[in-house]
Amino acid sequence: MKHFAFFQNTACEYFPCHPGVEPEAFNCLFCYCPLYALGKRCGGDFRYTEQGYKSCQHCVFPHRKENYDRIVSRYREIADVVAAVDGEER
């Protein structure tokens, strides 16, 4: 087991912040999901609100401990999105 790939903050007033994952398996490591920046390509269960904001209220993808490698494997893609927004070639 990769111990660095799992973290829990059971003292958090929002723990667990999303229903659908057993509390003992709930991973807080990606509290703010790095895949959010990928918009529609994030792969999670998101919706857009009437105001046009992306809502990840029903998404548990980053909170499942088995998804650590899948999230980290997309960091290059996230960096490319940031570079495009900043107007830089990679």
PDB file of N, CA and C in Angstrom:
ATOM      1  N   MET A   1       0.839  -1.193   0.000  1.00  0.00           N
ATOM      2  CA  MET A   1       0.000   0.000   0.000  1.00  0.00           C
ATOM      3  C   MET A   1       0.877   1.247   0.000  1.00  0.00           C
ATOM      4  N   LYS A   2       0.503   2.222  -0.789  1.00  0.00           N
ATOM      5  CA  LYS A   2       1.184   3.513  -0.814  1.00  0.00           C
ATOM      6  C   LYS A   2       0.545   4.393   0.264  1.00  0.00           C
ATOM      7  N   HIS A   3       1.201   4.521   1.391  1.00  0.00           N
ATOM      8  CA  HIS A   3       0.628   5.298   2.493  1.00  0.00           C
ATOM      9  C   HIS A   3       0.503   6.779   2.149  1.00  0.00           C
ATOM     10  N   PHE A   4       1.364   7.283   1.268  1.00  0.00           N
ATOM     11  CA  PHE A   4       1.296   8.690   0.880  1.00  0.00           C
ATOM     12  C   PHE A   4       0.082   8.971  -0.001  1.00  0.00           C
ATOM     13  N   ALA A   5      -0.575   7.940  -0.503  1.00  0.00           N
ATOM     14  CA  ALA A   5      -1.694   8.101  -1.419  1.00  0.00           C
ATOM     15  C   ALA A   5      -3.044   8.179  -0.701  1.00  0.00           C
ATOM     16  N   PHE A   6      -3.030   8.186   0.625  1.00  0.00           N
ATOM     17  CA  PHE A   6      -4.282   8.202   1.376  1.00  0.00           C
ATOM     18  C   PHE A   6      -4.130   9.085   2.604  1.00  0.00           C
ATOM     19  N   PHE A   7      -5.098   9.947   2.813  1.00  0.00           N
ATOM     20  CA  PHE A   7      -5.114  10.836   3.976  1.00  0.00           C
ATOM     21  C   PHE A   7      -6.561  11.060   4.381  1.00  0.00           C
ATOM     22  N   GLN A   8      -6.792  11.076   5.680  1.00  0.00           N
ATOM     23  CA  GLN A   8      -8.121  11.380   6.187  1.00  0.00           C
ATOM     24  C   GLN A   8      -8.048  12.482   7.218  1.00  0.00           C
ATOM     25  N   ASN A   9      -9.009  13.374   7.156  1.00  0.00           N
ATOM     26  CA  ASN A   9      -9.156  14.406   8.176  1.00  0.00           C
ATOM     27  C   ASN A   9     -10.531  14.240   8.791  1.00  0.00           C
ATOM     28  N   THR A  10     -10.644  13.301   9.713  1.00  0.00           N
ATOM     29  CA  THR A  10     -11.939  13.015  10.328  1.00  0.00           C
ATOM     30  C   THR A  10     -12.390  14.132  11.251  1.00  0.00           C
ATOM     31  N   ALA A  11     -11.484  15.051  11.602  1.00  0.00           N
ATOM     32  CA  ALA A  11     -11.862  16.201  12.436  1.00  0.00           C
ATOM     33  C   ALA A  11     -12.498  17.317  11.606  1.00  0.00           C
ATOM     34  N   CYS A  12     -12.442  17.212  10.300  1.00  0.00           N
ATOM     35  CA  CYS A  12     -13.037  18.227   9.425  1.00  0.00           C
ATOM     36  C   CYS A  12     -14.544  18.283   9.656  1.00  0.00           C
ATOM     37  N   GLU A  13     -15.055  19.488   9.760  1.00  0.00           N
ATOM     38  CA  GLU A  13     -16.496  19.650  10.002  1.00  0.00           C
ATOM     39  C   GLU A  13     -17.349  19.157   8.834  1.00  0.00           C
ATOM     40  N   TYR A  14     -16.738  18.909   7.680  1.00  0.00           N
ATOM     41  CA  TYR A  14     -17.476  18.425   6.513  1.00  0.00           C
ATOM     42  C   TYR A  14     -17.268  16.933   6.244  1.00  0.00           C
ATOM     43  N   PHE A  15     -16.466  16.267   7.055  1.00  0.00           N
ATOM     44  CA  PHE A  15     -16.139  14.859   6.817  1.00  0.00           C
ATOM     45  C   PHE A  15     -17.328  13.952   7.096  1.00  0.00           C
ATOM     46  N   PRO A  16     -17.611  13.028   6.189  1.00  0.00           N
ATOM     47  CA  PRO A  16     -17.200  12.981   4.794  1.00  0.00           C
ATOM     48  C   PRO A  16     -18.051  13.965   3.995  1.00  0.00           C
ATOM     49  N   CYS A  17     -17.425  14.680   3.091  1.00  0.00           N
ATOM     50  CA  CYS A  17     -18.105  15.765   2.380  1.00  0.00           C
ATOM     51  C   CYS A  17     -19.024  15.277   1.267  1.00  0.00           C
ATOM     52  N   HIS A  18     -18.834  14.058   0.795  1.00  0.00           N
ATOM     53  CA  HIS A  18     -19.678  13.500  -0.263  1.00  0.00           C
ATOM     54  C   HIS A  18     -20.187  12.135   0.178  1.00  0.00           C
ATOM     55  N   PRO A  19     -21.493  11.884   0.074  1.00  0.00           N
ATOM     56  CA  PRO A  19     -21.996  10.538   0.363  1.00  0.00           C
ATOM     57  C   PRO A  19     -21.605   9.588  -0.760  1.00  0.00           C
ATOM     58  N   GLY A  20     -21.488   8.304  -0.447  1.00  0.00           N
ATOM     59  CA  GLY A  20     -21.219   7.309  -1.470  1.00  0.00           C
ATOM     60  C   GLY A  20     -19.915   6.567  -1.288  1.00  0.00           C
ATOM     61  N   VAL A  21     -19.122   6.958  -0.299  1.00  0.00           N
ATOM     62  CA  VAL A  21     -17.876   6.254   0.010  1.00  0.00           C
ATOM     63  C   VAL A  21     -17.925   5.925   1.499  1.00  0.00           C
ATOM     64  N   GLU A  22     -17.583   4.693   1.831  1.00  0.00           N
ATOM     65  CA  GLU A  22     -17.556   4.307   3.243  1.00  0.00           C
ATOM     66  C   GLU A  22     -16.603   5.236   3.996  1.00  0.00           C
ATOM     67  N   PRO A  23     -16.987   5.756   5.153  1.00  0.00           N
ATOM     68  CA  PRO A  23     -16.137   6.702   5.880  1.00  0.00           C
ATOM     69  C   PRO A  23     -14.715   6.216   6.132  1.00  0.00           C
ATOM     70  N   GLU A  24     -14.515   4.930   6.402  1.00  0.00           N
ATOM     71  CA  GLU A  24     -13.170   4.431   6.671  1.00  0.00           C
ATOM     72  C   GLU A  24     -12.303   4.379   5.408  1.00  0.00           C
ATOM     73  N   ALA A  25     -12.928   4.438   4.235  1.00  0.00           N
ATOM     74  CA  ALA A  25     -12.198   4.406   2.973  1.00  0.00           C
ATOM     75  C   ALA A  25     -12.180   5.776   2.285  1.00  0.00           C
ATOM     76  N   PHE A  26     -12.731   6.793   2.924  1.00  0.00           N
ATOM     77  CA  PHE A  26     -12.852   8.124   2.314  1.00  0.00           C
ATOM     78  C   PHE A  26     -11.498   8.822   2.318  1.00  0.00           C
ATOM     79  N   ASN A  27     -10.998   9.166   1.133  1.00  0.00           N
ATOM     80  CA  ASN A  27      -9.696   9.801   0.982  1.00  0.00           C
ATOM     81  C   ASN A  27      -9.867  11.318   0.872  1.00  0.00           C
ATOM     82  N   CYS A  28      -9.254  12.048   1.782  1.00  0.00           N
ATOM     83  CA  CYS A  28      -9.315  13.512   1.790  1.00  0.00           C
ATOM     84  C   CYS A  28      -8.127  14.138   1.068  1.00  0.00           C
ATOM     85  N   LEU A  29      -7.218  13.329   0.547  1.00  0.00           N
ATOM     86  CA  LEU A  29      -6.000  13.845  -0.065  1.00  0.00           C
ATOM     87  C   LEU A  29      -6.298  14.865  -1.165  1.00  0.00           C
ATOM     88  N   PHE A  30      -7.292  14.594  -1.981  1.00  0.00           N
ATOM     89  CA  PHE A  30      -7.659  15.516  -3.051  1.00  0.00           C
ATOM     90  C   PHE A  30      -8.943  16.258  -2.670  1.00  0.00           C
ATOM     91  N   CYS A  31      -8.902  16.905  -1.546  1.00  0.00           N
ATOM     92  CA  CYS A  31     -10.056  17.660  -1.062  1.00  0.00           C
ATOM     93  C   CYS A  31     -10.539  18.613  -2.142  1.00  0.00           C
ATOM     94  N   TYR A  32      -9.626  19.316  -2.745  1.00  0.00           N
ATOM     95  CA  TYR A  32      -9.934  20.129  -3.920  1.00  0.00           C
ATOM     96  C   TYR A  32      -9.380  19.364  -5.111  1.00  0.00           C
ATOM     97  N   CYS A  33     -10.251  18.837  -5.912  1.00  0.00           N
ATOM     98  CA  CYS A  33      -9.858  17.923  -6.983  1.00  0.00           C
ATOM     99  C   CYS A  33      -9.023  18.623  -8.054  1.00  0.00           C
ATOM    100  N   PRO A  34      -7.836  18.114  -8.343  1.00  0.00           N
ATOM    101  CA  PRO A  34      -7.016  18.710  -9.389  1.00  0.00           C
ATOM    102  C   PRO A  34      -7.617  18.520 -10.786  1.00  0.00           C
ATOM    103  N   LEU A  35      -8.535  17.588 -10.942  1.00  0.00           N
ATOM    104  CA  LEU A  35      -9.147  17.344 -12.243  1.00  0.00           C
ATOM    105  C   LEU A  35     -10.224  18.378 -12.575  1.00  0.00           C
ATOM    106  N   TYR A  36     -10.619  19.179 -11.610  1.00  0.00           N
ATOM    107  CA  TYR A  36     -11.629  20.214 -11.830  1.00  0.00           C
ATOM    108  C   TYR A  36     -11.249  21.108 -13.007  1.00  0.00           C
ATOM    109  N   ALA A  37      -9.973  21.428 -13.113  1.00  0.00           N
ATOM    110  CA  ALA A  37      -9.480  22.322 -14.161  1.00  0.00           C
ATOM    111  C   ALA A  37      -9.667  21.751 -15.563  1.00  0.00           C
ATOM    112  N   LEU A  38      -9.911  20.468 -15.686  1.00  0.00           N
ATOM    113  CA  LEU A  38     -10.086  19.841 -16.994  1.00  0.00           C
ATOM    114  C   LEU A  38     -11.493  20.020 -17.546  1.00  0.00           C
ATOM    115  N   GLY A  39     -12.341  20.682 -16.790  1.00  0.00           N
ATOM    116  CA  GLY A  39     -13.704  20.936 -17.263  1.00  0.00           C
ATOM    117  C   GLY A  39     -14.456  19.652 -17.547  1.00  0.00           C
ATOM    118  N   LYS A  40     -15.057  19.580 -18.724  1.00  0.00           N
ATOM    119  CA  LYS A  40     -15.870  18.419 -19.107  1.00  0.00           C
ATOM    120  C   LYS A  40     -15.060  17.144 -19.239  1.00  0.00           C
ATOM    121  N   ARG A  41     -13.745  17.256 -19.368  1.00  0.00           N
ATOM    122  CA  ARG A  41     -12.881  16.081 -19.538  1.00  0.00           C
ATOM    123  C   ARG A  41     -12.397  15.492 -18.211  1.00  0.00           C
ATOM    124  N   CYS A  42     -12.886  15.978 -17.084  1.00  0.00           N
ATOM    125  CA  CYS A  42     -12.378  15.499 -15.788  1.00  0.00           C
ATOM    126  C   CYS A  42     -12.691  14.031 -15.545  1.00  0.00           C
ATOM    127  N   GLY A  43     -13.807  13.550 -16.070  1.00  0.00           N
ATOM    128  CA  GLY A  43     -14.180  12.147 -15.890  1.00  0.00           C
ATOM    129  C   GLY A  43     -15.040  11.890 -14.666  1.00  0.00           C
ATOM    130  N   GLY A  44     -15.347  12.927 -13.916  1.00  0.00           N
ATOM    131  CA  GLY A  44     -16.157  12.766 -12.710  1.00  0.00           C
ATOM    132  C   GLY A  44     -17.638  12.975 -12.966  1.00  0.00           C
ATOM    133  N   ASP A  45     -18.412  12.797 -11.917  1.00  0.00           N
ATOM    134  CA  ASP A  45     -19.863  12.946 -11.976  1.00  0.00           C
ATOM    135  C   ASP A  45     -20.215  14.382 -11.578  1.00  0.00           C
ATOM    136  N   PHE A  46     -20.109  15.307 -12.519  1.00  0.00           N
ATOM    137  CA  PHE A  46     -20.376  16.713 -12.238  1.00  0.00           C
ATOM    138  C   PHE A  46     -21.590  17.175 -13.029  1.00  0.00           C
ATOM    139  N   ARG A  47     -22.064  18.342 -12.642  1.00  0.00           N
ATOM    140  CA  ARG A  47     -23.149  19.010 -13.362  1.00  0.00           C
ATOM    141  C   ARG A  47     -22.831  20.491 -13.407  1.00  0.00           C
ATOM    142  N   TYR A  48     -23.413  21.183 -14.367  1.00  0.00           N
ATOM    143  CA  TYR A  48     -23.306  22.641 -14.381  1.00  0.00           C
ATOM    144  C   TYR A  48     -24.573  23.211 -13.773  1.00  0.00           C
ATOM    145  N   THR A  49     -24.406  24.201 -12.914  1.00  0.00           N
ATOM    146  CA  THR A  49     -25.552  24.843 -12.284  1.00  0.00           C
ATOM    147  C   THR A  49     -26.229  25.769 -13.297  1.00  0.00           C
ATOM    148  N   GLU A  50     -27.404  26.270 -12.938  1.00  0.00           N
ATOM    149  CA  GLU A  50     -28.116  27.212 -13.801  1.00  0.00           C
ATOM    150  C   GLU A  50     -27.288  28.474 -14.032  1.00  0.00           C
ATOM    151  N   GLN A  51     -26.411  28.787 -13.087  1.00  0.00           N
ATOM    152  CA  GLN A  51     -25.551  29.962 -13.213  1.00  0.00           C
ATOM    153  C   GLN A  51     -24.295  29.678 -14.036  1.00  0.00           C
ATOM    154  N   GLY A  52     -24.117  28.431 -14.470  1.00  0.00           N
ATOM    155  CA  GLY A  52     -22.980  28.073 -15.304  1.00  0.00           C
ATOM    156  C   GLY A  52     -21.747  27.596 -14.559  1.00  0.00           C
ATOM    157  N   TYR A  53     -21.873  27.355 -13.247  1.00  0.00           N
ATOM    158  CA  TYR A  53     -20.744  26.881 -12.456  1.00  0.00           C
ATOM    159  C   TYR A  53     -20.704  25.355 -12.459  1.00  0.00           C
ATOM    160  N   LYS A  54     -19.521  24.816 -12.443  1.00  0.00           N
ATOM    161  CA  LYS A  54     -19.341  23.366 -12.375  1.00  0.00           C
ATOM    162  C   LYS A  54     -19.543  22.929 -10.930  1.00  0.00           C
ATOM    163  N   SER A  55     -20.466  22.018 -10.708  1.00  0.00           N
ATOM    164  CA  SER A  55     -20.745  21.498  -9.367  1.00  0.00           C
ATOM    165  C   SER A  55     -20.324  20.036  -9.278  1.00  0.00           C
ATOM    166  N   CYS A  56     -19.435  19.746  -8.336  1.00  0.00           N
ATOM    167  CA  CYS A  56     -18.944  18.386  -8.129  1.00  0.00           C
ATOM    168  C   CYS A  56     -19.562  17.755  -6.878  1.00  0.00           C
ATOM    169  N   GLN A  57     -20.682  18.279  -6.480  1.00  0.00           N
ATOM    170  CA  GLN A  57     -21.361  17.848  -5.258  1.00  0.00           C
ATOM    171  C   GLN A  57     -21.596  16.340  -5.214  1.00  0.00           C
ATOM    172  N   HIS A  58     -21.879  15.731  -6.341  1.00  0.00           N
ATOM    173  CA  HIS A  58     -22.204  14.297  -6.375  1.00  0.00           C
ATOM    174  C   HIS A  58     -21.038  13.423  -6.822  1.00  0.00           C
ATOM    175  N   CYS A  59     -19.863  14.010  -6.978  1.00  0.00           N
ATOM    176  CA  CYS A  59     -18.708  13.258  -7.463  1.00  0.00           C
ATOM    177  C   CYS A  59     -17.871  12.723  -6.296  1.00  0.00           C
ATOM    178  N   VAL A  60     -17.567  11.449  -6.333  1.00  0.00           N
ATOM    179  CA  VAL A  60     -16.727  10.843  -5.293  1.00  0.00           C
ATOM    180  C   VAL A  60     -15.407  10.309  -5.873  1.00  0.00           C
ATOM    181  N   PHE A  61     -15.189  10.520  -7.165  1.00  0.00           N
ATOM    182  CA  PHE A  61     -13.996   9.983  -7.818  1.00  0.00           C
ATOM    183  C   PHE A  61     -12.696  10.307  -7.067  1.00  0.00           C
ATOM    184  N   PRO A  62     -12.416  11.566  -6.702  1.00  0.00           N
ATOM    185  CA  PRO A  62     -11.141  11.847  -6.031  1.00  0.00           C
ATOM    186  C   PRO A  62     -11.095  11.338  -4.590  1.00  0.00           C
ATOM    187  N   HIS A  63     -12.228  10.933  -4.041  1.00  0.00           N
ATOM    188  CA  HIS A  63     -12.279  10.486  -2.655  1.00  0.00           C
ATOM    189  C   HIS A  63     -12.206   8.974  -2.490  1.00  0.00           C
ATOM    190  N   ARG A  64     -12.114   8.267  -3.581  1.00  0.00           N
ATOM    191  CA  ARG A  64     -11.913   6.812  -3.520  1.00  0.00           C
ATOM    192  C   ARG A  64     -10.413   6.554  -3.548  1.00  0.00           C
ATOM    193  N   LYS A  65      -9.922   5.871  -2.510  1.00  0.00           N
ATOM    194  CA  LYS A  65      -8.472   5.690  -2.395  1.00  0.00           C
ATOM    195  C   LYS A  65      -7.862   4.950  -3.578  1.00  0.00           C
ATOM    196  N   GLU A  66      -8.636   4.133  -4.264  1.00  0.00           N
ATOM    197  CA  GLU A  66      -8.094   3.390  -5.400  1.00  0.00           C
ATOM    198  C   GLU A  66      -7.877   4.275  -6.630  1.00  0.00           C
ATOM    199  N   ASN A  67      -8.317   5.517  -6.603  1.00  0.00           N
ATOM    200  CA  ASN A  67      -8.175   6.400  -7.764  1.00  0.00           C
ATOM    201  C   ASN A  67      -6.943   7.298  -7.715  1.00  0.00           C
ATOM    202  N   TYR A  68      -6.100   7.170  -6.727  1.00  0.00           N
ATOM    203  CA  TYR A  68      -4.907   8.017  -6.612  1.00  0.00           C
ATOM    204  C   TYR A  68      -4.072   7.989  -7.896  1.00  0.00           C
ATOM    205  N   ASP A  69      -3.693   6.818  -8.370  1.00  0.00           N
ATOM    206  CA  ASP A  69      -2.845   6.710  -9.564  1.00  0.00           C
ATOM    207  C   ASP A  69      -3.531   7.276 -10.800  1.00  0.00           C
ATOM    208  N   ARG A  70      -4.835   7.109 -10.904  1.00  0.00           N
ATOM    209  CA  ARG A  70      -5.568   7.629 -12.062  1.00  0.00           C
ATOM    210  C   ARG A  70      -5.554   9.157 -12.070  1.00  0.00           C
ATOM    211  N   ILE A  71      -5.623   9.771 -10.904  1.00  0.00           N
ATOM    212  CA  ILE A  71      -5.586  11.233 -10.825  1.00  0.00           C
ATOM    213  C   ILE A  71      -4.184  11.740 -11.129  1.00  0.00           C
ATOM    214  N   VAL A  72      -3.185  11.174 -10.486  1.00  0.00           N
ATOM    215  CA  VAL A  72      -1.802  11.620 -10.680  1.00  0.00           C
ATOM    216  C   VAL A  72      -1.357  11.425 -12.131  1.00  0.00           C
ATOM    217  N   SER A  73      -1.850  10.396 -12.778  1.00  0.00           N
ATOM    218  CA  SER A  73      -1.455  10.138 -14.165  1.00  0.00           C
ATOM    219  C   SER A  73      -1.935  11.232 -15.118  1.00  0.00           C
ATOM    220  N   ARG A  74      -2.824  12.079 -14.671  1.00  0.00           N
ATOM    221  CA  ARG A  74      -3.371  13.139 -15.536  1.00  0.00           C
ATOM    222  C   ARG A  74      -2.754  14.504 -15.268  1.00  0.00           C
ATOM    223  N   TYR A  75      -1.717  14.570 -14.447  1.00  0.00           N
ATOM    224  CA  TYR A  75      -1.091  15.849 -14.125  1.00  0.00           C
ATOM    225  C   TYR A  75      -0.500  16.540 -15.358  1.00  0.00           C
ATOM    226  N   ARG A  76       0.035  15.794 -16.301  1.00  0.00           N
ATOM    227  CA  ARG A  76       0.569  16.399 -17.530  1.00  0.00           C
ATOM    228  C   ARG A  76      -0.560  17.096 -18.291  1.00  0.00           C
ATOM    229  N   GLU A  77      -1.708  16.446 -18.350  1.00  0.00           N
ATOM    230  CA  GLU A  77      -2.874  17.025 -19.023  1.00  0.00           C
ATOM    231  C   GLU A  77      -3.317  18.321 -18.335  1.00  0.00           C
ATOM    232  N   ILE A  78      -3.283  18.332 -17.020  1.00  0.00           N
ATOM    233  CA  ILE A  78      -3.634  19.536 -16.257  1.00  0.00           C
ATOM    234  C   ILE A  78      -2.625  20.643 -16.547  1.00  0.00           C
ATOM    235  N   ALA A  79      -1.348  20.305 -16.572  1.00  0.00           N
ATOM    236  CA  ALA A  79      -0.304  21.294 -16.865  1.00  0.00           C
ATOM    237  C   ALA A  79      -0.485  21.868 -18.264  1.00  0.00           C
ATOM    238  N   ASP A  80      -0.901  21.043 -19.221  1.00  0.00           N
ATOM    239  CA  ASP A  80      -1.133  21.517 -20.580  1.00  0.00           C
ATOM    240  C   ASP A  80      -2.302  22.500 -20.631  1.00  0.00           C
ATOM    241  N   VAL A  81      -3.347  22.242 -19.863  1.00  0.00           N
ATOM    242  CA  VAL A  81      -4.490  23.157 -19.801  1.00  0.00           C
ATOM    243  C   VAL A  81      -4.052  24.495 -19.223  1.00  0.00           C
ATOM    244  N   VAL A  82      -3.279  24.458 -18.161  1.00  0.00           N
ATOM    245  CA  VAL A  82      -2.796  25.685 -17.537  1.00  0.00           C
ATOM    246  C   VAL A  82      -1.898  26.464 -18.501  1.00  0.00           C
ATOM    247  N   ALA A  83      -1.017  25.767 -19.191  1.00  0.00           N
ATOM    248  CA  ALA A  83      -0.138  26.419 -20.155  1.00  0.00           C
ATOM    249  C   ALA A  83      -0.956  27.081 -21.273  1.00  0.00           C
ATOM    250  N   ALA A  84      -2.002  26.415 -21.733  1.00  0.00           N
ATOM    251  CA  ALA A  84      -2.846  26.982 -22.791  1.00  0.00           C
ATOM    252  C   ALA A  84      -3.564  28.242 -22.303  1.00  0.00           C
ATOM    253  N   VAL A  85      -4.048  28.197 -21.078  1.00  0.00           N
ATOM    254  CA  VAL A  85      -4.717  29.370 -20.503  1.00  0.00           C
ATOM    255  C   VAL A  85      -3.739  30.514 -20.343  1.00  0.00           C
ATOM    256  N   ASP A  86      -2.520  30.198 -19.966  1.00  0.00           N
ATOM    257  CA  ASP A  86      -1.488  31.226 -19.782  1.00  0.00           C
ATOM    258  C   ASP A  86      -0.855  31.664 -21.103  1.00  0.00           C
ATOM    259  N   GLY A  87      -1.224  30.986 -22.198  1.00  0.00           N
ATOM    260  CA  GLY A  87      -0.718  31.348 -23.512  1.00  0.00           C
ATOM    261  C   GLY A  87       0.704  30.922 -23.774  1.00  0.00           C
ATOM    262  N   GLU A  88       1.145  29.819 -23.158  1.00  0.00           N
ATOM    263  CA  GLU A  88       2.506  29.341 -23.332  1.00  0.00           C
ATOM    264  C   GLU A  88       2.512  28.021 -24.070  1.00  0.00           C
ATOM    265  N   GLU A  89       3.486  27.849 -24.918  1.00  0.00           N
ATOM    266  CA  GLU A  89       3.680  26.561 -25.607  1.00  0.00           C
ATOM    267  C   GLU A  89       4.391  25.609 -24.676  1.00  0.00           C
ATOM    268  N   ARG A  90       4.038  24.328 -24.754  1.00  0.00           N
ATOM    269  CA  ARG A  90       4.729  23.304 -23.953  1.00  0.00           C
ATOM    270  C   ARG A  90       5.429  22.383 -24.897  1.00  0.00           C
TER     271      ARG A  90
END
